[in-house]
Amino acid sequence: MAQFPHSKLHRCPWDTGLTPFRRATTYARIEDRTYPPALKIGRMSAWLDREMAAVNEALIQGRSDDEIWQLVADLVAKRTAGGAGQ
């Protein structure tokens, strides 16, 4: 079985401090495509910590919204491609 480092799932990242945003802002940024959407596992929604960490690092580095949009698109593409290129 493949090993995926840093693949923890978090249900409410705004409650744990894993995202700098509150819930409403997180969902607004998801709609703007500047924050990765949650994974759907049955009826549960959860975020990958490695994706949140990548976006947080881009924010710390002062990346533009366009650069973050591209980062999120790349993260989601890797996720939907089965983790290829990690």
PDB file of N, CA and C in Angstrom:
ATOM      1  N   MET A   1       0.838  -1.176   0.000  1.00  0.00           N
ATOM      2  CA  MET A   1       0.000   0.000   0.000  1.00  0.00           C
ATOM      3  C   MET A   1       0.883   1.240   0.000  1.00  0.00           C
ATOM      4  N   ALA A   2       0.511   2.250  -0.770  1.00  0.00           N
ATOM      5  CA  ALA A   2       1.301   3.477  -0.875  1.00  0.00           C
ATOM      6  C   ALA A   2       1.244   4.274   0.420  1.00  0.00           C
ATOM      7  N   GLN A   3       2.348   4.899   0.740  1.00  0.00           N
ATOM      8  CA  GLN A   3       2.421   5.765   1.905  1.00  0.00           C
ATOM      9  C   GLN A   3       2.326   7.217   1.447  1.00  0.00           C
ATOM     10  N   PHE A   4       1.463   7.990   2.094  1.00  0.00           N
ATOM     11  CA  PHE A   4       1.293   9.397   1.764  1.00  0.00           C
ATOM     12  C   PHE A   4       1.617  10.222   2.994  1.00  0.00           C
ATOM     13  N   PRO A   5       2.794  10.829   3.032  1.00  0.00           N
ATOM     14  CA  PRO A   5       3.145  11.643   4.199  1.00  0.00           C
ATOM     15  C   PRO A   5       2.257  12.878   4.273  1.00  0.00           C
ATOM     16  N   HIS A   6       1.960  13.290   5.475  1.00  0.00           N
ATOM     17  CA  HIS A   6       1.191  14.504   5.717  1.00  0.00           C
ATOM     18  C   HIS A   6      -0.190  14.446   5.068  1.00  0.00           C
ATOM     19  N   SER A   7      -0.886  13.344   5.242  1.00  0.00           N
ATOM     20  CA  SER A   7      -2.206  13.186   4.642  1.00  0.00           C
ATOM     21  C   SER A   7      -3.303  13.140   5.687  1.00  0.00           C
ATOM     22  N   LYS A   8      -3.183  13.922   6.731  1.00  0.00           N
ATOM     23  CA  LYS A   8      -4.221  13.942   7.752  1.00  0.00           C
ATOM     24  C   LYS A   8      -5.423  14.729   7.253  1.00  0.00           C
ATOM     25  N   LEU A   9      -6.585  14.283   7.681  1.00  0.00           N
ATOM     26  CA  LEU A   9      -7.833  14.967   7.332  1.00  0.00           C
ATOM     27  C   LEU A   9      -8.330  15.758   8.532  1.00  0.00           C
ATOM     28  N   HIS A  10      -8.873  16.937   8.256  1.00  0.00           N
ATOM     29  CA  HIS A  10      -9.407  17.796   9.315  1.00  0.00           C
ATOM     30  C   HIS A  10     -10.815  18.222   8.928  1.00  0.00           C
ATOM     31  N   ARG A  11     -11.733  18.080   9.868  1.00  0.00           N
ATOM     32  CA  ARG A  11     -13.130  18.394   9.583  1.00  0.00           C
ATOM     33  C   ARG A  11     -13.459  19.876   9.696  1.00  0.00           C
ATOM     34  N   CYS A  12     -12.930  20.569  10.677  1.00  0.00           N
ATOM     35  CA  CYS A  12     -13.235  21.991  10.897  1.00  0.00           C
ATOM     36  C   CYS A  12     -11.930  22.755  11.098  1.00  0.00           C
ATOM     37  N   PRO A  13     -11.194  23.045  10.022  1.00  0.00           N
ATOM     38  CA  PRO A  13      -9.879  23.662  10.191  1.00  0.00           C
ATOM     39  C   PRO A  13      -9.927  25.044  10.834  1.00  0.00           C
ATOM     40  N   TRP A  14     -11.034  25.747  10.710  1.00  0.00           N
ATOM     41  CA  TRP A  14     -11.155  27.083  11.322  1.00  0.00           C
ATOM     42  C   TRP A  14     -11.255  26.989  12.839  1.00  0.00           C
ATOM     43  N   ASP A  15     -11.671  25.851  13.365  1.00  0.00           N
ATOM     44  CA  ASP A  15     -11.755  25.666  14.820  1.00  0.00           C
ATOM     45  C   ASP A  15     -10.430  25.235  15.440  1.00  0.00           C
ATOM     46  N   THR A  16      -9.530  24.703  14.631  1.00  0.00           N
ATOM     47  CA  THR A  16      -8.273  24.168  15.153  1.00  0.00           C
ATOM     48  C   THR A  16      -7.085  25.087  14.891  1.00  0.00           C
ATOM     49  N   GLY A  17      -7.296  26.178  14.183  1.00  0.00           N
ATOM     50  CA  GLY A  17      -6.204  27.093  13.870  1.00  0.00           C
ATOM     51  C   GLY A  17      -5.371  26.670  12.677  1.00  0.00           C
ATOM     52  N   LEU A  18      -5.845  25.704  11.915  1.00  0.00           N
ATOM     53  CA  LEU A  18      -5.092  25.244  10.748  1.00  0.00           C
ATOM     54  C   LEU A  18      -5.275  26.160   9.546  1.00  0.00           C
ATOM     55  N   THR A  19      -6.239  27.040   9.618  1.00  0.00           N
ATOM     56  CA  THR A  19      -6.436  28.041   8.583  1.00  0.00           C
ATOM     57  C   THR A  19      -6.559  29.390   9.279  1.00  0.00           C
ATOM     58  N   PRO A  20      -6.051  30.444   8.652  1.00  0.00           N
ATOM     59  CA  PRO A  20      -6.152  31.755   9.293  1.00  0.00           C
ATOM     60  C   PRO A  20      -7.534  32.383   9.170  1.00  0.00           C
ATOM     61  N   PHE A  21      -8.446  31.690   8.513  1.00  0.00           N
ATOM     62  CA  PHE A  21      -9.762  32.246   8.224  1.00  0.00           C
ATOM     63  C   PHE A  21     -10.848  31.623   9.098  1.00  0.00           C
ATOM     64  N   ARG A  22     -11.901  32.367   9.270  1.00  0.00           N
ATOM     65  CA  ARG A  22     -13.101  31.831   9.906  1.00  0.00           C
ATOM     66  C   ARG A  22     -13.860  31.009   8.866  1.00  0.00           C
ATOM     67  N   ARG A  23     -14.913  30.342   9.323  1.00  0.00           N
ATOM     68  CA  ARG A  23     -15.663  29.442   8.450  1.00  0.00           C
ATOM     69  C   ARG A  23     -16.200  30.154   7.205  1.00  0.00           C
ATOM     70  N   ALA A  24     -16.874  31.290   7.378  1.00  0.00           N
ATOM     71  CA  ALA A  24     -17.470  31.992   6.234  1.00  0.00           C
ATOM     72  C   ALA A  24     -16.406  32.423   5.227  1.00  0.00           C
ATOM     73  N   THR A  25     -15.268  32.902   5.721  1.00  0.00           N
ATOM     74  CA  THR A  25     -14.187  33.328   4.833  1.00  0.00           C
ATOM     75  C   THR A  25     -13.580  32.126   4.117  1.00  0.00           C
ATOM     76  N   THR A  26     -13.446  31.016   4.824  1.00  0.00           N
ATOM     77  CA  THR A  26     -12.926  29.799   4.184  1.00  0.00           C
ATOM     78  C   THR A  26     -13.812  29.408   3.005  1.00  0.00           C
ATOM     79  N   TYR A  27     -15.116  29.364   3.214  1.00  0.00           N
ATOM     80  CA  TYR A  27     -16.025  28.985   2.127  1.00  0.00           C
ATOM     81  C   TYR A  27     -16.047  30.022   1.008  1.00  0.00           C
ATOM     82  N   ALA A  28     -15.905  31.304   1.343  1.00  0.00           N
ATOM     83  CA  ALA A  28     -15.835  32.338   0.304  1.00  0.00           C
ATOM     84  C   ALA A  28     -14.577  32.153  -0.544  1.00  0.00           C
ATOM     85  N   ARG A  29     -13.460  31.837   0.113  1.00  0.00           N
ATOM     86  CA  ARG A  29     -12.216  31.611  -0.634  1.00  0.00           C
ATOM     87  C   ARG A  29     -12.295  30.330  -1.470  1.00  0.00           C
ATOM     88  N   ILE A  30     -13.008  29.324  -0.990  1.00  0.00           N
ATOM     89  CA  ILE A  30     -13.210  28.117  -1.799  1.00  0.00           C
ATOM     90  C   ILE A  30     -13.990  28.474  -3.061  1.00  0.00           C
ATOM     91  N   GLU A  31     -15.009  29.292  -2.898  1.00  0.00           N
ATOM     92  CA  GLU A  31     -15.799  29.708  -4.065  1.00  0.00           C
ATOM     93  C   GLU A  31     -14.957  30.528  -5.040  1.00  0.00           C
ATOM     94  N   ASP A  32     -14.044  31.361  -4.513  1.00  0.00           N
ATOM     95  CA  ASP A  32     -13.134  32.149  -5.353  1.00  0.00           C
ATOM     96  C   ASP A  32     -11.989  31.312  -5.911  1.00  0.00           C
ATOM     97  N   ARG A  33     -11.894  30.069  -5.463  1.00  0.00           N
ATOM     98  CA  ARG A  33     -10.838  29.126  -5.857  1.00  0.00           C
ATOM     99  C   ARG A  33      -9.458  29.553  -5.357  1.00  0.00           C
ATOM    100  N   THR A  34      -9.434  30.223  -4.197  1.00  0.00           N
ATOM    101  CA  THR A  34      -8.159  30.580  -3.584  1.00  0.00           C
ATOM    102  C   THR A  34      -7.947  29.799  -2.285  1.00  0.00           C
ATOM    103  N   TYR A  35      -8.733  28.752  -2.097  1.00  0.00           N
ATOM    104  CA  TYR A  35      -8.558  27.825  -0.978  1.00  0.00           C
ATOM    105  C   TYR A  35      -9.052  26.468  -1.454  1.00  0.00           C
ATOM    106  N   PRO A  36      -8.349  25.399  -1.131  1.00  0.00           N
ATOM    107  CA  PRO A  36      -8.744  24.082  -1.640  1.00  0.00           C
ATOM    108  C   PRO A  36     -10.088  23.635  -1.055  1.00  0.00           C
ATOM    109  N   PRO A  37     -10.940  23.066  -1.890  1.00  0.00           N
ATOM    110  CA  PRO A  37     -12.214  22.564  -1.383  1.00  0.00           C
ATOM    111  C   PRO A  37     -12.010  21.313  -0.532  1.00  0.00           C
ATOM    112  N   ALA A  38     -13.000  21.035   0.272  1.00  0.00           N
ATOM    113  CA  ALA A  38     -12.955  19.838   1.112  1.00  0.00           C
ATOM    114  C   ALA A  38     -13.123  18.588   0.265  1.00  0.00           C
ATOM    115  N   LEU A  39     -12.567  17.502   0.769  1.00  0.00           N
ATOM    116  CA  LEU A  39     -12.835  16.185   0.200  1.00  0.00           C
ATOM    117  C   LEU A  39     -14.203  15.751   0.697  1.00  0.00           C
ATOM    118  N   LYS A  40     -14.948  15.070  -0.109  1.00  0.00           N
ATOM    119  CA  LYS A  40     -16.220  14.493   0.322  1.00  0.00           C
ATOM    120  C   LYS A  40     -16.013  13.000   0.506  1.00  0.00           C
ATOM    121  N   ILE A  41     -16.260  12.541   1.717  1.00  0.00           N
ATOM    122  CA  ILE A  41     -16.159  11.123   2.043  1.00  0.00           C
ATOM    123  C   ILE A  41     -17.524  10.735   2.593  1.00  0.00           C
ATOM    124  N   GLY A  42     -18.354  10.185   1.725  1.00  0.00           N
ATOM    125  CA  GLY A  42     -19.744   9.957   2.117  1.00  0.00           C
ATOM    126  C   GLY A  42     -20.400  11.306   2.335  1.00  0.00           C
ATOM    127  N   ARG A  43     -20.969  11.505   3.509  1.00  0.00           N
ATOM    128  CA  ARG A  43     -21.580  12.797   3.839  1.00  0.00           C
ATOM    129  C   ARG A  43     -20.619  13.727   4.569  1.00  0.00           C
ATOM    130  N   MET A  44     -19.433  13.226   4.883  1.00  0.00           N
ATOM    131  CA  MET A  44     -18.455  14.012   5.627  1.00  0.00           C
ATOM    132  C   MET A  44     -17.599  14.859   4.679  1.00  0.00           C
ATOM    133  N   SER A  45     -17.255  16.046   5.124  1.00  0.00           N
ATOM    134  CA  SER A  45     -16.313  16.910   4.413  1.00  0.00           C
ATOM    135  C   SER A  45     -15.071  17.063   5.272  1.00  0.00           C
ATOM    136  N   ALA A  46     -13.912  16.988   4.646  1.00  0.00           N
ATOM    137  CA  ALA A  46     -12.659  17.141   5.384  1.00  0.00           C
ATOM    138  C   ALA A  46     -11.603  17.727   4.460  1.00  0.00           C
ATOM    139  N   TRP A  47     -10.665  18.455   5.065  1.00  0.00           N
ATOM    140  CA  TRP A  47      -9.577  19.090   4.330  1.00  0.00           C
ATOM    141  C   TRP A  47      -8.280  18.347   4.596  1.00  0.00           C
ATOM    142  N   LEU A  48      -7.429  18.283   3.573  1.00  0.00           N
ATOM    143  CA  LEU A  48      -6.097  17.691   3.719  1.00  0.00           C
ATOM    144  C   LEU A  48      -5.151  18.723   4.327  1.00  0.00           C
ATOM    145  N   ASP A  49      -4.436  18.332   5.363  1.00  0.00           N
ATOM    146  CA  ASP A  49      -3.547  19.296   6.014  1.00  0.00           C
ATOM    147  C   ASP A  49      -2.419  19.746   5.100  1.00  0.00           C
ATOM    148  N   ARG A  50      -1.940  18.892   4.210  1.00  0.00           N
ATOM    149  CA  ARG A  50      -0.847  19.301   3.325  1.00  0.00           C
ATOM    150  C   ARG A  50      -1.303  20.379   2.347  1.00  0.00           C
ATOM    151  N   GLU A  51      -2.581  20.347   1.930  1.00  0.00           N
ATOM    152  CA  GLU A  51      -3.083  21.389   1.041  1.00  0.00           C
ATOM    153  C   GLU A  51      -3.259  22.711   1.798  1.00  0.00           C
ATOM    154  N   MET A  52      -3.775  22.630   3.020  1.00  0.00           N
ATOM    155  CA  MET A  52      -3.924  23.843   3.824  1.00  0.00           C
ATOM    156  C   MET A  52      -2.559  24.448   4.115  1.00  0.00           C
ATOM    157  N   ALA A  53      -1.564  23.604   4.415  1.00  0.00           N
ATOM    158  CA  ALA A  53      -0.214  24.092   4.705  1.00  0.00           C
ATOM    159  C   ALA A  53       0.387  24.781   3.485  1.00  0.00           C
ATOM    160  N   ALA A  54       0.148  24.248   2.301  1.00  0.00           N
ATOM    161  CA  ALA A  54       0.688  24.859   1.082  1.00  0.00           C
ATOM    162  C   ALA A  54       0.079  26.245   0.855  1.00  0.00           C
ATOM    163  N   VAL A  55      -1.213  26.379   1.070  1.00  0.00           N
ATOM    164  CA  VAL A  55      -1.867  27.683   0.901  1.00  0.00           C
ATOM    165  C   VAL A  55      -1.400  28.648   1.982  1.00  0.00           C
ATOM    166  N   ASN A  56      -1.305  28.175   3.215  1.00  0.00           N
ATOM    167  CA  ASN A  56      -0.818  29.035   4.300  1.00  0.00           C
ATOM    168  C   ASN A  56       0.590  29.547   3.994  1.00  0.00           C
ATOM    169  N   GLU A  57       1.451  28.680   3.494  1.00  0.00           N
ATOM    170  CA  GLU A  57       2.820  29.085   3.155  1.00  0.00           C
ATOM    171  C   GLU A  57       2.811  30.131   2.043  1.00  0.00           C
ATOM    172  N   ALA A  58       1.947  29.967   1.064  1.00  0.00           N
ATOM    173  CA  ALA A  58       1.841  30.958  -0.016  1.00  0.00           C
ATOM    174  C   ALA A  58       1.371  32.308   0.524  1.00  0.00           C
ATOM    175  N   LEU A  59       0.448  32.285   1.474  1.00  0.00           N
ATOM    176  CA  LEU A  59      -0.014  33.528   2.099  1.00  0.00           C
ATOM    177  C   LEU A  59       1.116  34.205   2.864  1.00  0.00           C
ATOM    178  N   ILE A  60       1.887  33.409   3.606  1.00  0.00           N
ATOM    179  CA  ILE A  60       3.017  33.944   4.375  1.00  0.00           C
ATOM    180  C   ILE A  60       4.048  34.581   3.438  1.00  0.00           C
ATOM    181  N   GLN A  61       4.247  33.958   2.284  1.00  0.00           N
ATOM    182  CA  GLN A  61       5.213  34.466   1.309  1.00  0.00           C
ATOM    183  C   GLN A  61       4.697  35.685   0.555  1.00  0.00           C
ATOM    184  N   GLY A  62       3.434  36.056   0.780  1.00  0.00           N
ATOM    185  CA  GLY A  62       2.873  37.231   0.119  1.00  0.00           C
ATOM    186  C   GLY A  62       2.483  37.010  -1.320  1.00  0.00           C
ATOM    187  N   ARG A  63       2.188  35.773  -1.676  1.00  0.00           N
ATOM    188  CA  ARG A  63       1.785  35.474  -3.052  1.00  0.00           C
ATOM    189  C   ARG A  63       0.467  36.172  -3.383  1.00  0.00           C
ATOM    190  N   SER A  64       0.291  36.516  -4.651  1.00  0.00           N
ATOM    191  CA  SER A  64      -0.936  37.173  -5.105  1.00  0.00           C
ATOM    192  C   SER A  64      -2.081  36.164  -5.151  1.00  0.00           C
ATOM    193  N   ASP A  65      -3.307  36.679  -5.220  1.00  0.00           N
ATOM    194  CA  ASP A  65      -4.461  35.789  -5.344  1.00  0.00           C
ATOM    195  C   ASP A  65      -4.370  34.944  -6.611  1.00  0.00           C
ATOM    196  N   ASP A  66      -3.837  35.509  -7.700  1.00  0.00           N
ATOM    197  CA  ASP A  66      -3.680  34.737  -8.936  1.00  0.00           C
ATOM    198  C   ASP A  66      -2.714  33.573  -8.746  1.00  0.00           C
ATOM    199  N   GLU A  67      -1.622  33.814  -8.021  1.00  0.00           N
ATOM    200  CA  GLU A  67      -0.662  32.737  -7.755  1.00  0.00           C
ATOM    201  C   GLU A  67      -1.275  31.679  -6.838  1.00  0.00           C
ATOM    202  N   ILE A  68      -2.041  32.130  -5.865  1.00  0.00           N
ATOM    203  CA  ILE A  68      -2.701  31.173  -4.963  1.00  0.00           C
ATOM    204  C   ILE A  68      -3.771  30.398  -5.721  1.00  0.00           C
ATOM    205  N   TRP A  69      -4.487  31.057  -6.625  1.00  0.00           N
ATOM    206  CA  TRP A  69      -5.482  30.376  -7.453  1.00  0.00           C
ATOM    207  C   TRP A  69      -4.817  29.246  -8.234  1.00  0.00           C
ATOM    208  N   GLN A  70      -3.652  29.527  -8.827  1.00  0.00           N
ATOM    209  CA  GLN A  70      -2.930  28.493  -9.582  1.00  0.00           C
ATOM    210  C   GLN A  70      -2.455  27.370  -8.667  1.00  0.00           C
ATOM    211  N   LEU A  71      -1.969  27.723  -7.487  1.00  0.00           N
ATOM    212  CA  LEU A  71      -1.543  26.721  -6.515  1.00  0.00           C
ATOM    213  C   LEU A  71      -2.700  25.789  -6.160  1.00  0.00           C
ATOM    214  N   VAL A  72      -3.862  26.368  -5.870  1.00  0.00           N
ATOM    215  CA  VAL A  72      -5.036  25.562  -5.515  1.00  0.00           C
ATOM    216  C   VAL A  72      -5.437  24.668  -6.690  1.00  0.00           C
ATOM    217  N   ALA A  73      -5.414  25.209  -7.900  1.00  0.00           N
ATOM    218  CA  ALA A  73      -5.737  24.397  -9.080  1.00  0.00           C
ATOM    219  C   ALA A  73      -4.781  23.214  -9.201  1.00  0.00           C
ATOM    220  N   ASP A  74      -3.495  23.451  -8.950  1.00  0.00           N
ATOM    221  CA  ASP A  74      -2.498  22.372  -9.011  1.00  0.00           C
ATOM    222  C   ASP A  74      -2.739  21.334  -7.911  1.00  0.00           C
ATOM    223  N   LEU A  75      -3.054  21.799  -6.706  1.00  0.00           N
ATOM    224  CA  LEU A  75      -3.313  20.871  -5.596  1.00  0.00           C
ATOM    225  C   LEU A  75      -4.520  19.981  -5.895  1.00  0.00           C
ATOM    226  N   VAL A  76      -5.575  20.575  -6.404  1.00  0.00           N
ATOM    227  CA  VAL A  76      -6.790  19.807  -6.716  1.00  0.00           C
ATOM    228  C   VAL A  76      -6.507  18.856  -7.876  1.00  0.00           C
ATOM    229  N   ALA A  77      -5.722  19.279  -8.865  1.00  0.00           N
ATOM    230  CA  ALA A  77      -5.387  18.394  -9.987  1.00  0.00           C
ATOM    231  C   ALA A  77      -4.591  17.188  -9.501  1.00  0.00           C
ATOM    232  N   LYS A  78      -3.649  17.408  -8.579  1.00  0.00           N
ATOM    233  CA  LYS A  78      -2.876  16.285  -8.044  1.00  0.00           C
ATOM    234  C   LYS A  78      -3.796  15.336  -7.277  1.00  0.00           C
ATOM    235  N   ARG A  79      -4.726  15.915  -6.539  1.00  0.00           N
ATOM    236  CA  ARG A  79      -5.646  15.088  -5.751  1.00  0.00           C
ATOM    237  C   ARG A  79      -6.517  14.231  -6.667  1.00  0.00           C
ATOM    238  N   THR A  80      -7.046  14.833  -7.711  1.00  0.00           N
ATOM    239  CA  THR A  80      -7.949  14.101  -8.599  1.00  0.00           C
ATOM    240  C   THR A  80      -7.198  13.159  -9.532  1.00  0.00           C
ATOM    241  N   ALA A  81      -5.879  13.341  -9.662  1.00  0.00           N
ATOM    242  CA  ALA A  81      -5.073  12.441 -10.478  1.00  0.00           C
ATOM    243  C   ALA A  81      -4.540  11.286  -9.633  1.00  0.00           C
ATOM    244  N   GLY A  82      -5.047  11.137  -8.434  1.00  0.00           N
ATOM    245  CA  GLY A  82      -4.623  10.030  -7.576  1.00  0.00           C
ATOM    246  C   GLY A  82      -3.293  10.277  -6.907  1.00  0.00           C
ATOM    247  N   GLY A  83      -2.921  11.548  -6.750  1.00  0.00           N
ATOM    248  CA  GLY A  83      -1.673  11.858  -6.057  1.00  0.00           C
ATOM    249  C   GLY A  83      -0.462  11.832  -6.950  1.00  0.00           C
ATOM    250  N   ALA A  84      -0.652  11.758  -8.256  1.00  0.00           N
ATOM    251  CA  ALA A  84       0.483  11.716  -9.170  1.00  0.00           C
ATOM    252  C   ALA A  84       1.307  12.982  -9.051  1.00  0.00           C
ATOM    253  N   GLY A  85       2.594  12.827  -9.057  1.00  0.00           N
ATOM    254  CA  GLY A  85       3.499  13.959  -9.030  1.00  0.00           C
ATOM    255  C   GLY A  85       3.782  14.515  -7.651  1.00  0.00           C
ATOM    256  N   GLN A  86       3.434  13.778  -6.595  1.00  0.00           N
ATOM    257  CA  GLN A  86       3.694  14.281  -5.254  1.00  0.00           C
ATOM    258  C   GLN A  86       5.122  14.081  -4.870  1.00  0.00           C
TER     259      GLN A  86
END
